Protein backbone atom coordinates (compact mmCIF):
# COMPACT_ATOMS: atom_id res chain seq x y z
CA MET A 1 30.00 -2.22 -52.37
CA LYS A 2 28.04 -5.91 -53.39
CA GLU A 3 25.22 -4.02 -54.24
CA GLU A 4 26.14 -1.30 -55.94
CA LEU A 5 28.12 -3.83 -57.81
CA LEU A 6 24.73 -5.95 -58.73
CA GLU A 7 22.85 -2.66 -59.54
CA LEU A 8 25.15 -1.03 -61.61
CA GLY A 9 25.50 -4.34 -63.85
CA ARG A 10 22.28 -4.41 -64.68
CA ASN A 11 23.45 -1.96 -67.35
CA SER A 12 25.71 -3.89 -68.54
CA TYR A 13 24.86 -4.41 -72.45
CA SER A 14 25.96 -8.14 -73.10
CA PRO A 15 23.67 -9.73 -75.88
CA TYR A 16 26.35 -12.12 -76.89
CA SER A 17 28.12 -13.03 -74.83
CA HIS A 18 25.63 -12.82 -72.00
CA PHE A 19 28.15 -12.70 -69.75
CA ARG A 20 27.09 -8.85 -67.61
CA VAL A 21 30.31 -6.95 -65.71
CA ALA A 22 30.28 -4.41 -63.71
CA SER A 23 33.38 -2.14 -62.06
CA ILE A 24 34.20 0.60 -59.58
CA ALA A 25 37.16 2.91 -59.64
CA ILE A 26 37.90 4.48 -56.32
CA MET A 27 39.72 7.58 -56.79
CA LYS A 28 42.11 8.72 -53.19
CA ASP A 29 39.87 11.49 -52.92
CA GLY A 30 36.94 8.89 -52.45
CA LYS A 31 35.42 10.12 -55.72
CA LYS A 32 33.93 7.13 -57.38
CA PHE A 33 33.22 6.77 -61.52
CA SER A 34 31.47 3.66 -62.90
CA GLY A 35 31.27 0.88 -66.23
CA VAL A 36 29.87 -2.08 -67.26
CA ASN A 37 30.71 -4.16 -70.13
CA VAL A 38 29.36 -3.02 -73.41
CA GLU A 39 29.69 -5.50 -76.10
CA ASN A 40 28.96 -5.76 -80.10
CA ALA A 41 28.33 -7.59 -83.22
CA SER A 42 31.76 -7.06 -84.28
CA TYR A 43 33.85 -8.23 -81.35
CA GLY A 44 36.26 -6.06 -81.87
CA ALA A 45 34.55 -2.97 -81.01
CA CYS A 46 33.51 -4.06 -77.07
CA VAL A 47 35.14 -2.36 -73.98
CA CYS A 48 35.10 -4.01 -70.68
CA ALA A 49 33.70 -2.18 -67.70
CA GLU A 50 37.05 -1.77 -65.49
CA ARG A 51 38.32 -0.10 -68.64
CA ILE A 52 35.60 1.92 -68.95
CA ALA A 53 35.36 2.86 -65.28
CA ILE A 54 39.00 4.04 -65.65
CA PHE A 55 38.32 5.98 -68.73
CA SER A 56 35.93 7.67 -67.67
CA ALA A 57 37.97 8.68 -64.40
CA ILE A 58 40.85 9.79 -67.09
CA ALA A 59 38.06 12.04 -68.54
CA ALA A 60 37.23 13.84 -65.69
CA GLY A 61 40.46 15.04 -65.02
CA TYR A 62 41.92 12.66 -63.26
CA LYS A 63 45.62 11.30 -63.35
CA LYS A 64 47.81 7.85 -63.36
CA GLY A 65 48.16 7.67 -59.65
CA ASP A 66 44.99 9.37 -58.39
CA PHE A 67 43.68 5.93 -58.63
CA LYS A 68 42.56 3.86 -54.98
CA GLU A 69 41.14 0.89 -55.65
CA LEU A 70 39.05 -1.08 -58.51
CA HIS A 71 35.85 -3.46 -57.56
CA ILE A 72 34.80 -5.63 -60.62
CA MET A 73 31.98 -7.92 -60.45
CA CYS A 74 30.60 -10.82 -62.97
CA LEU A 75 26.76 -10.77 -61.97
CA ASP A 76 26.62 -14.06 -63.82
CA SER A 77 29.26 -16.26 -62.40
CA LYS A 78 29.18 -17.72 -59.43
CA GLN A 79 32.89 -17.77 -59.41
CA ILE A 80 34.96 -14.50 -58.47
CA SER A 81 35.97 -13.38 -62.14
CA THR A 82 39.10 -10.94 -62.69
CA SER A 83 40.33 -8.71 -65.25
CA CYS A 84 41.29 -9.76 -68.16
CA PHE A 85 44.80 -9.49 -69.73
CA ALA A 86 43.49 -5.73 -71.55
CA CYS A 87 42.27 -4.77 -68.52
CA ARG A 88 45.11 -5.42 -66.36
CA GLN A 89 47.70 -3.65 -68.59
CA VAL A 90 45.67 0.35 -68.24
CA ILE A 91 44.95 -1.00 -64.70
CA SER A 92 49.27 -1.56 -64.07
CA GLU A 93 49.82 1.85 -66.29
CA LEU A 94 47.72 4.17 -64.62
CA PHE A 95 47.35 2.57 -60.40
CA ASP A 96 49.93 2.29 -57.97
CA LYS A 97 51.59 -1.16 -57.24
CA THR A 98 49.67 -1.19 -53.72
CA ALA A 99 46.83 -0.36 -55.37
CA LYS A 100 43.55 -3.21 -54.53
CA VAL A 101 41.82 -4.87 -56.50
CA ILE A 102 38.65 -5.99 -55.64
CA CYS A 103 37.06 -9.15 -56.95
CA TYR A 104 33.52 -10.56 -56.11
CA SER A 105 32.02 -13.14 -57.25
CA SER A 106 28.08 -12.51 -58.24
CA GLU A 107 27.52 -14.73 -54.76
CA GLY A 108 28.94 -11.69 -52.73
CA GLU A 109 32.83 -13.62 -52.45
CA THR A 110 35.61 -11.76 -52.87
CA LYS A 111 39.23 -12.06 -53.51
CA GLU A 112 41.93 -9.20 -53.14
CA PHE A 113 44.75 -8.32 -55.35
CA THR A 114 46.75 -5.78 -55.22
CA VAL A 115 47.70 -4.54 -58.81
CA GLU A 116 51.62 -6.27 -58.71
CA GLU A 117 49.59 -9.61 -57.42
CA LEU A 118 47.71 -9.99 -60.42
CA CYS A 119 49.48 -7.51 -63.00
CA PRO A 120 53.23 -9.74 -62.11
CA TYR A 121 55.08 -8.69 -64.69
CA PRO A 122 54.04 -5.51 -66.44
CA PHE A 123 54.72 -3.60 -69.90
CA ASP A 124 55.30 -0.55 -69.16
CA GLU A 125 58.09 2.55 -70.49
CA ASP A 126 60.97 0.86 -69.78
CA ASP A 127 59.73 -2.35 -72.61
CA LEU A 128 59.62 0.93 -75.21
CA LYS A 129 63.16 1.67 -74.74
């Protein structure tokens, strides 16, 4: 998976932060969906790699609960980077609590979380009542 993420991350459009991120969502049926971060001079219009991968799966017809795991790598950091909170909100909404989120350093080191560990206090439909 490390090599796939490294290759994918080269497609990132990140001329402002120079923080290239790649993500691959793997579905329970084995299908993979890829994403890279895409920046814009209007920072609010930027989209993270994780959400692009997840939203691509939704656009292809997959539903909440169809996700098996998510892989994430920042190519420009030797540290293991985790998802921002906007992405964590999307992850907690669409993945099972026990689904795996595997974060990679650019060197290939990994840290694995469950969604529940990464998002211990999710905002969900119960909060809207």
